Amino acid sequence: MIRIAGVFIVFSGLLLFAFNRAEHHAEDVSLPRYCDNPDGHVRLVGKILDEKNPVGNAARKPYVIAAKLIYIIPRREAEPLQSYLHRLRQRILDSCP
């Protein structure tokens, strides 16, 4: 029984460490990359979430880069699109040096 508890504690500690490192990476490394043009990236995220085919014949790389923001800062359940885009823009600006 003690052995199982020890394994559980070690495993839980490793998971907490991994989640904390992932959050640190998102806040301190990933978000500052979007500081060069926050409005442009937020506009692309809005197109991704709003349009059925946002890319059309344009280059896909800017959309892929913007789509990473959706993963880093997810939209809350039942959050209106404009509120999400405003919150996303503010989080990017908060992470800028």
Protein backbone atom coordinates (compact mmCIF):
# COMPACT_ATOMS: atom_id res chain seq x y z
CA MET A 1 0.00 0.00 0.00
CA ILE A 2 2.82 2.41 0.87
CA ARG A 3 4.55 1.56 -2.41
CA ILE A 4 1.41 2.47 -4.40
CA ALA A 5 1.09 5.75 -2.51
CA GLY A 6 4.75 6.55 -3.23
CA VAL A 7 4.30 5.86 -6.95
CA PHE A 8 1.17 8.01 -6.95
CA ILE A 9 2.96 10.91 -5.25
CA VAL A 10 5.93 10.75 -7.63
CA PHE A 11 3.68 10.51 -10.69
CA SER A 12 1.51 13.41 -9.47
CA GLY A 13 4.60 15.51 -8.86
CA LEU A 14 5.88 14.83 -12.37
CA LEU A 15 2.55 15.80 -13.89
CA LEU A 16 2.41 19.03 -11.90
CA PHE A 17 5.95 19.86 -12.97
CA ALA A 18 5.11 19.21 -16.65
CA PHE A 19 1.97 21.36 -16.52
CA ASN A 20 3.81 24.22 -14.81
CA ARG A 21 6.61 24.12 -17.41
CA ALA A 22 4.04 24.12 -20.24
CA GLU A 23 2.29 27.15 -18.76
CA HIS A 24 5.61 28.93 -18.30
CA HIS A 25 6.56 28.20 -21.92
CA ALA A 26 3.22 29.52 -23.21
CA GLU A 27 3.41 32.72 -21.17
CA ASP A 28 7.10 33.56 -21.38
CA VAL A 29 8.21 32.11 -24.72
CA SER A 30 5.28 31.56 -27.09
CA LEU A 31 3.14 34.66 -26.52
CA PRO A 32 5.95 37.23 -26.89
CA ARG A 33 6.49 35.93 -30.44
CA TYR A 34 3.19 37.55 -31.40
CA CYS A 35 4.23 41.02 -30.18
CA ASP A 36 5.43 42.12 -33.61
CA ASN A 37 1.87 42.40 -34.98
CA PRO A 38 -0.76 41.51 -32.36
CA ASP A 39 -3.66 43.04 -34.28
CA GLY A 40 -2.81 41.09 -37.43
CA HIS A 41 -2.58 37.80 -35.57
CA VAL A 42 -5.85 38.44 -33.73
CA ARG A 43 -7.53 39.33 -37.03
CA LEU A 44 -6.38 36.02 -38.52
CA VAL A 45 -7.67 34.12 -35.47
CA GLY A 46 -11.02 35.85 -35.96
CA LYS A 47 -11.09 34.73 -39.59
CA ILE A 48 -10.20 31.16 -38.61
CA LEU A 49 -13.05 31.01 -36.09
CA ASP A 50 -15.60 32.91 -38.15
CA GLU A 51 -15.20 31.79 -41.77
CA LYS A 52 -15.66 28.35 -43.25
CA ASN A 53 -12.63 28.65 -45.56
CA PRO A 54 -10.52 31.50 -44.17
CA VAL A 55 -7.38 30.83 -46.20
CA GLY A 56 -8.79 30.62 -49.69
CA ASN A 57 -5.84 30.85 -52.12
CA ALA A 58 -3.62 32.84 -49.74
CA ALA A 59 -0.49 31.56 -48.03
CA ARG A 60 -1.29 29.20 -45.17
CA LYS A 61 1.69 29.90 -42.91
CA PRO A 62 0.25 33.05 -41.26
CA TYR A 63 -2.95 31.14 -40.48
CA VAL A 64 -1.05 28.22 -38.97
CA ILE A 65 0.92 30.64 -36.79
CA ALA A 66 -2.29 32.38 -35.70
CA ALA A 67 -4.01 29.04 -35.05
CA LYS A 68 -1.40 28.28 -32.38
CA LEU A 69 -2.91 31.14 -30.38
CA ILE A 70 -6.21 29.25 -30.22
CA TYR A 71 -4.35 26.40 -28.56
CA ILE A 72 -2.32 28.60 -26.20
CA ILE A 73 -5.31 30.73 -25.13
CA PRO A 74 -8.48 28.74 -25.75
CA ARG A 75 -11.89 30.28 -26.15
CA ARG A 76 -14.14 29.90 -23.12
CA GLU A 77 -17.40 28.03 -23.39
CA ALA A 78 -20.14 30.28 -24.86
CA GLU A 79 -17.73 33.23 -25.05
CA PRO A 80 -18.69 35.64 -27.84
CA LEU A 81 -16.12 35.90 -30.61
CA GLN A 82 -15.45 39.60 -30.11
CA SER A 83 -14.91 39.14 -26.36
CA TYR A 84 -12.49 36.30 -27.05
CA LEU A 85 -10.56 38.32 -29.61
CA HIS A 86 -10.33 41.26 -27.21
CA ARG A 87 -9.12 38.99 -24.39
CA LEU A 88 -6.62 37.33 -26.74
CA ARG A 89 -5.23 40.68 -27.88
CA GLN A 90 -4.91 41.85 -24.27
CA ARG A 91 -3.05 38.68 -23.24
CA ILE A 92 -0.61 39.13 -26.12
CA LEU A 93 -0.01 42.77 -25.19
CA ASP A 94 0.46 41.82 -21.52
CA SER A 95 3.23 39.39 -22.48
CA CYS A 96 5.15 41.94 -24.56
CA PRO A 97 8.30 43.39 -23.00
